[in-house]
C-alpha atoms as a PDB file:
ATOM      1  CA  MET A   1     -20.830 -52.220  19.917  1.00  0.00           C
ATOM      2  CA  LEU A   2     -21.535 -48.604  20.924  1.00  0.00           C
ATOM      3  CA  LYS A   3     -17.835 -48.079  21.605  1.00  0.00           C
ATOM      4  CA  LYS A   4     -16.946 -49.351  18.105  1.00  0.00           C
ATOM      5  CA  LEU A   5     -19.514 -47.020  16.514  1.00  0.00           C
ATOM      6  CA  PHE A   6     -18.108 -44.099  18.530  1.00  0.00           C
ATOM      7  CA  PHE A   7     -14.572 -44.668  17.231  1.00  0.00           C
ATOM      8  CA  LEU A   8     -15.905 -45.167  13.702  1.00  0.00           C
ATOM      9  CA  PHE A   9     -17.572 -41.739  13.822  1.00  0.00           C
ATOM     10  CA  LEU A  10     -14.382 -40.226  15.207  1.00  0.00           C
ATOM     11  CA  GLY A  11     -12.501 -41.606  12.243  1.00  0.00           C
ATOM     12  CA  ILE A  12     -15.032 -40.272   9.748  1.00  0.00           C
ATOM     13  CA  PHE A  13     -14.798 -36.739  11.114  1.00  0.00           C
ATOM     14  CA  PHE A  14     -11.183 -36.394  12.218  1.00  0.00           C
ATOM     15  CA  ILE A  15      -9.003 -38.500   9.908  1.00  0.00           C
ATOM     16  CA  PRO A  16      -9.794 -36.350   6.789  1.00  0.00           C
ATOM     17  CA  ALA A  17      -8.916 -33.260   8.817  1.00  0.00           C
ATOM     18  CA  LEU A  18      -5.555 -34.749   9.748  1.00  0.00           C
ATOM     19  CA  PHE A  19      -4.730 -35.356   6.107  1.00  0.00           C
ATOM     20  CA  ALA A  20      -6.260 -32.125   4.700  1.00  0.00           C
ATOM     21  CA  LYS A  21      -3.947 -30.459   2.202  1.00  0.00           C
ATOM     22  CA  SER A  22      -2.020 -27.498   3.553  1.00  0.00           C
ATOM     23  CA  LEU A  23      -1.951 -24.590   1.109  1.00  0.00           C
ATOM     24  CA  THR A  24       1.292 -22.732   0.427  1.00  0.00           C
ATOM     25  CA  ILE A  25       1.027 -19.113  -0.711  1.00  0.00           C
ATOM     26  CA  GLY A  26       4.099 -17.353  -2.065  1.00  0.00           C
ATOM     27  CA  VAL A  27       4.242 -13.650  -1.231  1.00  0.00           C
ATOM     28  CA  SER A  28       6.565 -11.399  -3.228  1.00  0.00           C
ATOM     29  CA  MET A  29       6.986  -7.987  -1.579  1.00  0.00           C
ATOM     30  CA  TYR A  30       8.081  -4.714  -3.192  1.00  0.00           C
ATOM     31  CA  SER A  31      10.557  -3.886  -0.432  1.00  0.00           C
ATOM     32  CA  LEU A  32      10.454  -4.639   3.280  1.00  0.00           C
ATOM     33  CA  SER A  33      12.786  -1.704   3.948  1.00  0.00           C
ATOM     34  CA  ASP A  34       9.737   0.489   3.227  1.00  0.00           C
ATOM     35  CA  LYS A  35       7.296   0.792   6.147  1.00  0.00           C
ATOM     36  CA  TYR A  36       4.026   0.109   4.358  1.00  0.00           C
ATOM     37  CA  PRO A  37       4.861  -3.385   3.050  1.00  0.00           C
ATOM     38  CA  THR A  38       5.809  -4.448   6.589  1.00  0.00           C
ATOM     39  CA  TYR A  39       2.265  -3.640   7.751  1.00  0.00           C
ATOM     40  CA  LEU A  40       0.877  -5.683   4.866  1.00  0.00           C
ATOM     41  CA  GLN A  41       3.139  -8.539   5.951  1.00  0.00           C
ATOM     42  CA  ASP A  42       1.957  -8.292   9.579  1.00  0.00           C
ATOM     43  CA  ALA A  43      -1.690  -8.629   8.481  1.00  0.00           C
ATOM     44  CA  MET A  44      -0.854 -11.570   6.225  1.00  0.00           C
ATOM     45  CA  GLN A  45       0.920 -13.350   9.080  1.00  0.00           C
ATOM     46  CA  LYS A  46      -2.126 -12.845  11.332  1.00  0.00           C
ATOM     47  CA  PHE A  47      -4.238 -14.606   8.696  1.00  0.00           C
ATOM     48  CA  GLU A  48      -1.672 -17.417   8.569  1.00  0.00           C
ATOM     49  CA  LYS A  49      -1.807 -17.877  12.361  1.00  0.00           C
ATOM     50  CA  ALA A  50      -5.605 -18.050  12.249  1.00  0.00           C
ATOM     51  CA  HIS A  51      -5.627 -20.740   9.525  1.00  0.00           C
ATOM     52  CA  GLN A  52      -3.761 -23.971  10.247  1.00  0.00           C
ATOM     53  CA  ASP A  53      -4.025 -25.063   6.602  1.00  0.00           C
ATOM     54  CA  VAL A  54      -2.048 -22.049   5.250  1.00  0.00           C
ATOM     55  CA  LYS A  55       1.706 -21.618   4.981  1.00  0.00           C
ATOM     56  CA  LEU A  56       3.142 -18.323   3.697  1.00  0.00           C
ATOM     57  CA  LYS A  57       6.538 -18.007   2.000  1.00  0.00           C
ATOM     58  CA  PHE A  58       7.843 -14.436   1.773  1.00  0.00           C
ATOM     59  CA  ALA A  59      10.366 -13.021  -0.690  1.00  0.00           C
ATOM     60  CA  ASP A  60      11.679  -9.443  -0.557  1.00  0.00           C
ATOM     61  CA  ALA A  61      12.435  -7.951  -4.000  1.00  0.00           C
ATOM     62  CA  ASN A  62      14.087  -4.910  -2.394  1.00  0.00           C
ATOM     63  CA  GLY A  63      12.677  -2.687  -5.146  1.00  0.00           C
ATOM     64  CA  ASP A  64      14.305  -4.722  -7.934  1.00  0.00           C
ATOM     65  CA  PRO A  65      11.931  -5.951 -10.718  1.00  0.00           C
ATOM     66  CA  ALA A  66      14.482  -8.566 -11.889  1.00  0.00           C
ATOM     67  CA  LYS A  67      14.698 -10.039  -8.384  1.00  0.00           C
ATOM     68  CA  MET A  68      10.895 -10.081  -8.147  1.00  0.00           C
ATOM     69  CA  LEU A  69      10.671 -12.019 -11.416  1.00  0.00           C
ATOM     70  CA  ASN A  70      13.228 -14.507 -10.113  1.00  0.00           C
ATOM     71  CA  ASP A  71      11.424 -14.855  -6.758  1.00  0.00           C
ATOM     72  CA  ILE A  72       8.114 -15.571  -8.483  1.00  0.00           C
ATOM     73  CA  GLU A  73       9.727 -18.083 -10.851  1.00  0.00           C
ATOM     74  CA  ASN A  74      11.060 -19.854  -7.750  1.00  0.00           C
ATOM     75  CA  PHE A  75       7.542 -19.928  -6.269  1.00  0.00           C
ATOM     76  CA  ILE A  76       6.238 -21.441  -9.504  1.00  0.00           C
ATOM     77  CA  ASP A  77       9.083 -24.004  -9.598  1.00  0.00           C
ATOM     78  CA  VAL A  78       8.184 -25.274  -6.110  1.00  0.00           C
ATOM     79  CA  ASN A  79       4.499 -25.326  -7.141  1.00  0.00           C
ATOM     80  CA  VAL A  80       2.951 -23.009  -4.561  1.00  0.00           C
ATOM     81  CA  ASP A  81      -0.857 -22.993  -4.486  1.00  0.00           C
ATOM     82  CA  ALA A  82      -1.215 -19.225  -5.030  1.00  0.00           C
ATOM     83  CA  ILE A  83       0.950 -16.110  -5.345  1.00  0.00           C
ATOM     84  CA  VAL A  84       0.408 -12.658  -3.852  1.00  0.00           C
ATOM     85  CA  VAL A  85       2.556  -9.832  -5.201  1.00  0.00           C
ATOM     86  CA  MET A  86       3.148  -6.194  -4.282  1.00  0.00           C
ATOM     87  CA  LEU A  87       4.673  -5.114  -7.586  1.00  0.00           C
ATOM     88  CA  THR A  88       7.986  -3.309  -7.924  1.00  0.00           C
ATOM     89  CA  ASP A  89       7.022  -2.217 -11.424  1.00  0.00           C
ATOM     90  CA  PRO A  90       3.591  -2.604 -13.095  1.00  0.00           C
ATOM     91  CA  LYS A  91       5.312  -3.414 -16.407  1.00  0.00           C
ATOM     92  CA  ILE A  92       6.348  -6.874 -15.192  1.00  0.00           C
ATOM     93  CA  VAL A  93       2.831  -8.083 -14.407  1.00  0.00           C
ATOM     94  CA  LYS A  94       2.285  -9.519 -17.904  1.00  0.00           C
ATOM     95  CA  SER A  95       5.382 -11.720 -17.640  1.00  0.00           C
ATOM     96  CA  ILE A  96       4.461 -12.811 -14.100  1.00  0.00           C
ATOM     97  CA  GLY A  97       0.834 -13.375 -15.022  1.00  0.00           C
ATOM     98  CA  LEU A  98       1.546 -15.520 -18.073  1.00  0.00           C
ATOM     99  CA  LYS A  99       3.934 -17.750 -16.111  1.00  0.00           C
ATOM    100  CA  ALA A 100       1.464 -18.137 -13.239  1.00  0.00           C
ATOM    101  CA  LYS A 101      -1.404 -18.873 -15.645  1.00  0.00           C
ATOM    102  CA  LYS A 102       0.635 -21.532 -17.464  1.00  0.00           C
ATOM    103  CA  ALA A 103       1.342 -23.157 -14.101  1.00  0.00           C
ATOM    104  CA  LYS A 104      -2.368 -22.805 -13.140  1.00  0.00           C
ATOM    105  CA  ILE A 105      -1.446 -20.801 -10.042  1.00  0.00           C
ATOM    106  CA  PRO A 106      -3.791 -17.948  -8.984  1.00  0.00           C
ATOM    107  CA  LEU A 107      -2.054 -14.540  -8.942  1.00  0.00           C
ATOM    108  CA  ILE A 108      -3.265 -11.777  -6.634  1.00  0.00           C
ATOM    109  CA  ALA A 109      -1.740  -8.277  -6.764  1.00  0.00           C
ATOM    110  CA  VAL A 110      -1.987  -6.038  -3.706  1.00  0.00           C
ATOM    111  CA  THR A 111      -1.604  -2.257  -3.190  1.00  0.00           C
ATOM    112  CA  VAL A 112       0.332  -1.534  -6.410  1.00  0.00           C
ATOM    113  CA  LYS A 113      -2.156  -1.661  -9.276  1.00  0.00           C
ATOM    114  CA  PRO A 114      -1.057  -2.820 -12.741  1.00  0.00           C
ATOM    115  CA  ASN A 115      -1.901  -0.736 -15.788  1.00  0.00           C
ATOM    116  CA  ASP A 116      -5.497  -1.265 -16.918  1.00  0.00           C
ATOM    117  CA  GLU A 117      -4.494  -3.255 -20.011  1.00  0.00           C
ATOM    118  CA  ASP A 118      -2.553  -5.705 -17.811  1.00  0.00           C
ATOM    119  CA  MET A 119      -5.306  -6.414 -15.278  1.00  0.00           C
ATOM    120  CA  GLN A 120      -6.284  -9.431 -17.428  1.00  0.00           C
ATOM    121  CA  TYR A 121      -3.160 -11.262 -16.244  1.00  0.00           C
ATOM    122  CA  LEU A 122      -4.332 -11.269 -12.611  1.00  0.00           C
ATOM    123  CA  THR A 123      -6.798 -13.447 -10.796  1.00  0.00           C
ATOM    124  CA  SER A 124      -7.626 -10.496  -8.541  1.00  0.00           C
ATOM    125  CA  TYR A 125      -6.392  -7.098  -7.383  1.00  0.00           C
ATOM    126  CA  VAL A 126      -6.736  -5.744  -3.823  1.00  0.00           C
ATOM    127  CA  GLY A 127      -6.075  -2.084  -3.181  1.00  0.00           C
ATOM    128  CA  SER A 128      -7.493   1.387  -2.738  1.00  0.00           C
ATOM    129  CA  GLU A 129      -8.644   3.650  -5.558  1.00  0.00           C
ATOM    130  CA  GLU A 130      -5.571   5.870  -5.768  1.00  0.00           C
ATOM    131  CA  ILE A 131      -7.073   8.952  -7.397  1.00  0.00           C
ATOM    132  CA  THR A 132      -9.463   9.298  -4.458  1.00  0.00           C
ATOM    133  CA  SER A 133      -6.614   9.767  -1.976  1.00  0.00           C
ATOM    134  CA  GLY A 134      -5.091  12.543  -4.108  1.00  0.00           C
ATOM    135  CA  LYS A 135      -8.455  14.291  -4.305  1.00  0.00           C
ATOM    136  CA  MET A 136      -8.874  13.995  -0.538  1.00  0.00           C
ATOM    137  CA  GLN A 137      -5.467  15.638  -0.043  1.00  0.00           C
ATOM    138  CA  GLY A 138      -6.378  18.490  -2.371  1.00  0.00           C
ATOM    139  CA  GLU A 139      -9.747  19.043  -0.704  1.00  0.00           C
ATOM    140  CA  PHE A 140      -8.114  19.149   2.736  1.00  0.00           C
ATOM    141  CA  VAL A 141      -5.639  21.780   1.521  1.00  0.00           C
ATOM    142  CA  LEU A 142      -8.470  23.900   0.101  1.00  0.00           C
ATOM    143  CA  ARG A 143     -10.457  23.756   3.342  1.00  0.00           C
ATOM    144  CA  THR A 144      -7.390  24.614   5.399  1.00  0.00           C
ATOM    145  CA  LEU A 145      -6.370  27.560   3.209  1.00  0.00           C
ATOM    146  CA  ASN A 146      -9.974  28.820   3.068  1.00  0.00           C
ATOM    147  CA  GLY A 147      -9.386  30.972  -0.020  1.00  0.00           C
ATOM    148  CA  LYS A 148      -5.858  32.171   0.861  1.00  0.00           C
ATOM    149  CA  PRO A 149      -3.208  32.035  -1.896  1.00  0.00           C
ATOM    150  CA  ALA A 150      -0.498  29.403  -1.619  1.00  0.00           C
ATOM    151  CA  ASN A 151       2.572  27.949  -3.299  1.00  0.00           C
ATOM    152  CA  ALA A 152       2.671  24.159  -3.322  1.00  0.00           C
ATOM    153  CA  ILE A 153       5.078  21.352  -4.130  1.00  0.00           C
ATOM    154  CA  ILE A 154       4.206  17.704  -4.798  1.00  0.00           C
ATOM    155  CA  LEU A 155       6.568  14.911  -3.763  1.00  0.00           C
ATOM    156  CA  LEU A 156       6.182  11.918  -6.060  1.00  0.00           C
ATOM    157  CA  GLY A 157       6.564   8.189  -5.539  1.00  0.00           C
ATOM    158  CA  PRO A 158       8.521   6.118  -8.102  1.00  0.00           C
ATOM    159  CA  LEU A 159       7.583   7.486 -11.521  1.00  0.00           C
ATOM    160  CA  GLY A 160       5.208   5.348 -13.541  1.00  0.00           C
ATOM    161  CA  LEU A 161       3.570   3.507 -10.652  1.00  0.00           C
ATOM    162  CA  ASP A 162      -0.222   3.697 -10.616  1.00  0.00           C
ATOM    163  CA  ALA A 163      -0.175   5.192  -7.103  1.00  0.00           C
ATOM    164  CA  GLN A 164       2.230   7.955  -8.136  1.00  0.00           C
ATOM    165  CA  ILE A 165       0.257   8.810 -11.276  1.00  0.00           C
ATOM    166  CA  LYS A 166      -3.252   8.659  -9.811  1.00  0.00           C
ATOM    167  CA  ARG A 167      -2.496  10.356  -6.476  1.00  0.00           C
ATOM    168  CA  THR A 168      -0.856  13.268  -8.295  1.00  0.00           C
ATOM    169  CA  GLU A 169      -3.700  13.373 -10.803  1.00  0.00           C
ATOM    170  CA  GLY A 170      -6.125  13.566  -7.879  1.00  0.00           C
ATOM    171  CA  ASN A 171      -4.201  16.497  -6.386  1.00  0.00           C
ATOM    172  CA  LYS A 172      -4.255  18.396  -9.654  1.00  0.00           C
ATOM    173  CA  SER A 173      -7.896  17.663 -10.482  1.00  0.00           C
ATOM    174  CA  VAL A 174      -8.926  19.439  -7.263  1.00  0.00           C
ATOM    175  CA  LEU A 175      -6.384  22.284  -7.283  1.00  0.00           C
ATOM    176  CA  ALA A 176      -6.565  23.100 -11.023  1.00  0.00           C
ATOM    177  CA  SER A 177      -9.720  25.184 -10.640  1.00  0.00           C
ATOM    178  CA  HIS A 178      -8.127  27.306  -7.890  1.00  0.00           C
ATOM    179  CA  PRO A 179      -5.658  29.739  -9.507  1.00  0.00           C
ATOM    180  CA  GLU A 180      -4.744  31.118  -6.088  1.00  0.00           C
ATOM    181  CA  ILE A 181      -2.811  27.865  -5.523  1.00  0.00           C
ATOM    182  CA  ASN A 182       0.375  27.674  -7.571  1.00  0.00           C
ATOM    183  CA  ILE A 183       2.134  24.314  -7.925  1.00  0.00           C
ATOM    184  CA  LEU A 184       5.794  25.339  -8.076  1.00  0.00           C
ATOM    185  CA  SER A 185       7.369  21.922  -8.523  1.00  0.00           C
ATOM    186  CA  GLU A 186       6.753  18.159  -8.693  1.00  0.00           C
ATOM    187  CA  GLN A 187       9.738  15.967  -7.883  1.00  0.00           C
ATOM    188  CA  GLU A 188      10.294  12.250  -7.403  1.00  0.00           C
ATOM    189  CA  ALA A 189      11.376  11.104  -3.951  1.00  0.00           C
ATOM    190  CA  LYS A 190      10.681   7.361  -4.409  1.00  0.00           C
ATOM    191  CA  TRP A 191       8.502   6.859  -1.259  1.00  0.00           C
ATOM    192  CA  ASP A 192      11.679   7.474   0.796  1.00  0.00           C
ATOM    193  CA  ARG A 193      12.017   9.747   3.858  1.00  0.00           C
ATOM    194  CA  ALA A 194      15.711  10.560   3.389  1.00  0.00           C
ATOM    195  CA  LYS A 195      15.283  11.226  -0.344  1.00  0.00           C
ATOM    196  CA  ALA A 196      12.254  13.424   0.323  1.00  0.00           C
ATOM    197  CA  MET A 197      14.177  15.388   2.925  1.00  0.00           C
ATOM    198  CA  GLU A 198      16.967  16.013   0.401  1.00  0.00           C
ATOM    199  CA  VAL A 199      14.514  17.030  -2.352  1.00  0.00           C
ATOM    200  CA  ALA A 200      12.513  19.284  -0.025  1.00  0.00           C
ATOM    201  CA  GLU A 201      15.643  20.967   1.336  1.00  0.00           C
ATOM    202  CA  ASN A 202      16.640  21.902  -2.209  1.00  0.00           C
ATOM    203  CA  LEU A 203      13.146  23.167  -3.015  1.00  0.00           C
ATOM    204  CA  PHE A 204      12.907  25.216   0.189  1.00  0.00           C
ATOM    205  CA  ALA A 205      16.276  26.800  -0.678  1.00  0.00           C
ATOM    206  CA  ALA A 206      15.182  27.574  -4.241  1.00  0.00           C
ATOM    207  CA  HIS A 207      11.695  28.867  -3.340  1.00  0.00           C
ATOM    208  CA  LYS A 208      11.385  30.881  -0.144  1.00  0.00           C
ATOM    209  CA  ASN A 209       7.582  31.005  -0.245  1.00  0.00           C
ATOM    210  CA  ILE A 210       6.487  27.324  -0.230  1.00  0.00           C
ATOM    211  CA  ASN A 211       3.597  26.845   2.177  1.00  0.00           C
ATOM    212  CA  VAL A 212       1.970  23.589   1.021  1.00  0.00           C
ATOM    213  CA  VAL A 213       3.502  20.119   0.580  1.00  0.00           C
ATOM    214  CA  LEU A 214       1.426  17.286  -0.882  1.00  0.00           C
ATOM    215  CA  ALA A 215       3.315  13.996  -0.608  1.00  0.00           C
ATOM    216  CA  ASN A 216       2.317  10.782  -2.403  1.00  0.00           C
ATOM    217  CA  ASN A 217       3.032   8.895   0.842  1.00  0.00           C
ATOM    218  CA  ASP A 218       3.744   9.487   4.539  1.00  0.00           C
ATOM    219  CA  GLU A 219       7.463   8.735   4.486  1.00  0.00           C
ATOM    220  CA  MET A 220       7.977  11.568   2.000  1.00  0.00           C
ATOM    221  CA  ALA A 221       5.698  13.850   4.032  1.00  0.00           C
ATOM    222  CA  ILE A 222       7.849  13.181   7.113  1.00  0.00           C
ATOM    223  CA  GLY A 223      10.982  13.896   5.066  1.00  0.00           C
ATOM    224  CA  ALA A 224       9.486  17.243   3.978  1.00  0.00           C
ATOM    225  CA  LEU A 225       8.558  18.054   7.578  1.00  0.00           C
ATOM    226  CA  LEU A 226      12.114  17.404   8.766  1.00  0.00           C
ATOM    227  CA  ALA A 227      13.461  19.547   5.912  1.00  0.00           C
ATOM    228  CA  ALA A 228      11.058  22.369   6.824  1.00  0.00           C
ATOM    229  CA  ARG A 229      12.271  22.319  10.431  1.00  0.00           C
ATOM    230  CA  LYS A 230      15.876  22.359   9.235  1.00  0.00           C
ATOM    231  CA  ALA A 231      15.061  25.379   7.052  1.00  0.00           C
ATOM    232  CA  GLY A 232      13.516  27.202  10.020  1.00  0.00           C
ATOM    233  CA  ILE A 233       9.944  27.010   8.704  1.00  0.00           C
ATOM    234  CA  ALA A 234       7.465  26.974  11.590  1.00  0.00           C
ATOM    235  CA  ASP A 235       4.749  24.317  11.667  1.00  0.00           C
ATOM    236  CA  ASP A 236       1.994  26.937  11.346  1.00  0.00           C
ATOM    237  CA  GLU A 237       3.634  28.407   8.223  1.00  0.00           C
ATOM    238  CA  ILE A 238       3.270  25.303   6.085  1.00  0.00           C
ATOM    239  CA  ILE A 239       0.617  22.663   5.381  1.00  0.00           C
ATOM    240  CA  ILE A 240       2.006  19.128   4.977  1.00  0.00           C
ATOM    241  CA  ILE A 241      -0.177  16.141   4.114  1.00  0.00           C
ATOM    242  CA  GLY A 242       0.742  12.528   3.324  1.00  0.00           C
ATOM    243  CA  ILE A 243      -0.953   9.233   2.523  1.00  0.00           C
ATOM    244  CA  ASP A 244      -1.017   5.901   4.426  1.00  0.00           C
ATOM    245  CA  ALA A 245      -1.513   6.934   8.099  1.00  0.00           C
ATOM    246  CA  THR A 246       1.370   4.723   9.220  1.00  0.00           C
ATOM    247  CA  PRO A 247       2.174   4.697  12.968  1.00  0.00           C
ATOM    248  CA  ASP A 248       5.260   6.851  12.314  1.00  0.00           C
ATOM    249  CA  ALA A 249       3.163   9.448  10.505  1.00  0.00           C
ATOM    250  CA  LEU A 250       0.480   9.396  13.180  1.00  0.00           C
ATOM    251  CA  GLU A 251       3.120  10.280  15.779  1.00  0.00           C
ATOM    252  CA  TYR A 252       3.880  13.452  13.759  1.00  0.00           C
ATOM    253  CA  LEU A 253       0.181  14.263  13.283  1.00  0.00           C
ATOM    254  CA  GLY A 254      -0.544  17.634  14.846  1.00  0.00           C
ATOM    255  CA  LYS A 255       3.202  18.159  15.297  1.00  0.00           C
ATOM    256  CA  GLY A 256       4.007  19.467  11.837  1.00  0.00           C
ATOM    257  CA  LEU A 257       2.041  16.913   9.838  1.00  0.00           C
ATOM    258  CA  ASP A 258      -1.404  18.427   9.280  1.00  0.00           C
ATOM    259  CA  ALA A 259      -3.206  15.359   7.942  1.00  0.00           C
ATOM    260  CA  THR A 260      -2.773  12.010   6.263  1.00  0.00           C
ATOM    261  CA  ILE A 261      -5.006   9.638   4.330  1.00  0.00           C
ATOM    262  CA  PHE A 262      -5.492   6.211   5.899  1.00  0.00           C
ATOM    263  CA  GLN A 263      -4.848   3.336   3.543  1.00  0.00           C
ATOM    264  CA  SER A 264      -5.618   0.168   5.438  1.00  0.00           C
ATOM    265  CA  ALA A 265      -2.541  -2.009   5.121  1.00  0.00           C
ATOM    266  CA  ALA A 266      -4.175  -4.445   7.545  1.00  0.00           C
ATOM    267  CA  GLU A 267      -7.272  -4.852   5.380  1.00  0.00           C
ATOM    268  CA  GLN A 268      -5.303  -4.963   2.114  1.00  0.00           C
ATOM    269  CA  GLY A 269      -2.912  -7.559   3.531  1.00  0.00           C
ATOM    270  CA  ARG A 270      -5.658  -9.704   5.059  1.00  0.00           C
ATOM    271  CA  MET A 271      -7.919  -9.526   2.007  1.00  0.00           C
ATOM    272  CA  SER A 272      -5.140 -10.341  -0.477  1.00  0.00           C
ATOM    273  CA  ILE A 273      -4.262 -13.536   1.404  1.00  0.00           C
ATOM    274  CA  GLU A 274      -7.926 -14.400   1.882  1.00  0.00           C
ATOM    275  CA  LEU A 275      -8.575 -14.127  -1.860  1.00  0.00           C
ATOM    276  CA  ALA A 276      -5.424 -16.146  -2.630  1.00  0.00           C
ATOM    277  CA  TYR A 277      -6.586 -18.783  -0.126  1.00  0.00           C
ATOM    278  CA  LYS A 278     -10.043 -18.988  -1.695  1.00  0.00           C
ATOM    279  CA  ALA A 279      -8.700 -19.014  -5.265  1.00  0.00           C
ATOM    280  CA  ALA A 280      -6.258 -21.807  -4.360  1.00  0.00           C
ATOM    281  CA  LYS A 281      -9.229 -23.875  -3.186  1.00  0.00           C
ATOM    282  CA  GLY A 282     -11.003 -23.266  -6.492  1.00  0.00           C
ATOM    283  CA  GLU A 283     -13.480 -20.701  -5.185  1.00  0.00           C
ATOM    284  CA  LYS A 284     -14.554 -17.746  -7.308  1.00  0.00           C
ATOM    285  CA  VAL A 285     -13.033 -14.406  -6.253  1.00  0.00           C
ATOM    286  CA  PRO A 286     -13.724 -10.827  -7.437  1.00  0.00           C
ATOM    287  CA  ALA A 287     -11.469  -9.303 -10.098  1.00  0.00           C
ATOM    288  CA  ILE A 288     -11.056  -6.154  -7.980  1.00  0.00           C
ATOM    289  CA  LYS A 289     -11.554  -5.571  -4.256  1.00  0.00           C
ATOM    290  CA  TRP A 290     -11.415  -1.884  -3.289  1.00  0.00           C
ATOM    291  CA  ILE A 291     -10.492  -0.881   0.275  1.00  0.00           C
ATOM    292  CA  PRO A 292     -11.706   2.700   1.044  1.00  0.00           C
ATOM    293  CA  PHE A 293      -9.381   5.586   1.977  1.00  0.00           C
ATOM    294  CA  GLU A 294     -10.102   7.719   5.074  1.00  0.00           C
ATOM    295  CA  LEU A 295      -8.964  11.260   5.974  1.00  0.00           C
ATOM    296  CA  VAL A 296      -7.097  11.407   9.292  1.00  0.00           C
ATOM    297  CA  THR A 297      -6.719  14.715  11.130  1.00  0.00           C
ATOM    298  CA  PRO A 298      -5.052  15.294  14.539  1.00  0.00           C
ATOM    299  CA  ASP A 299      -8.346  14.829  16.422  1.00  0.00           C
ATOM    300  CA  LYS A 300      -8.473  11.216  15.147  1.00  0.00           C
ATOM    301  CA  LYS A 301      -4.885  10.354  16.040  1.00  0.00           C
ATOM    302  CA  ALA A 302      -5.625   7.982  18.947  1.00  0.00           C
ATOM    303  CA  GLN A 303      -8.391   6.233  16.987  1.00  0.00           C
ATOM    304  CA  TYR A 304      -6.069   5.360  14.127  1.00  0.00           C
ATOM    305  CA  LEU A 305      -3.090   4.447  16.311  1.00  0.00           C
ATOM    306  CA  ASN A 306      -5.379   1.891  17.955  1.00  0.00           C
ATOM    307  CA  LYS A 307      -5.971   0.258  14.564  1.00  0.00           C
ATOM    308  CA  TYR A 308      -2.342  -0.936  14.636  1.00  0.00           C
ATOM    309  CA  LYS A 309      -2.878  -2.531  18.058  1.00  0.00           C
ATOM    310  CA  GLU A 310      -5.868  -4.643  17.005  1.00  0.00           C
END
């Protein structure tokens, strides 16, 4: 009798677990040829490994909004339980959001924030408050210059993205009240190292007195650093600062790159999947989840490199 009761209890507790529904989350990425999205992906995959009831399906839009729309339509067609998207273009979020809402599929955007009027089409947004990172860059430049005059350039991400607009706005809001700092040029380099190197080379040739580079991301900061070396500009003659604190950038920190702003790809990636997971199960999730930025200087290099080994 006791043996029968034992197996009955086993059945009560374990059979439902065996037949528990596995959740499928579709993840549409901006471009996996860019470094930052790959770190988001790594964090998402760690979450997947830690949760046996989650299956992630990745699609790489390769920077193409039309491909992203098609990828998300495919996710909806196969009836995924939730969608996470790192947008190629904030303008497409309304179309994506309406389709996901009609299909009753939660939609979580990560890192790339839609325009304010389009936030209504999301279930939730996970990212970092972009204007803060731009302000942090500007404040670092001011402290480093300590009242000395300077000529600066700003390297921009893809025009129109919230990160490009707000990071640049943050730069200018800090530097505007300091007339000793002259912003000579702002040019788009599309988050790309090679493009930034090309743009910076042209700017260094046109303006012989550039001594500050503010880049909207690390890849462009590295491109500017390589261009400065090619132009014969010594590391101590120019201040270069990026955003993201990627492992590549951290390797250059103190070796031409003066500082970067840590944007936690690991936390953004993990949190976006966690919110998608909860929303798919019918749990309430916040409309916005902010992940703080952090200034990283050469003395903190080892500390932040270790974050990528966790």
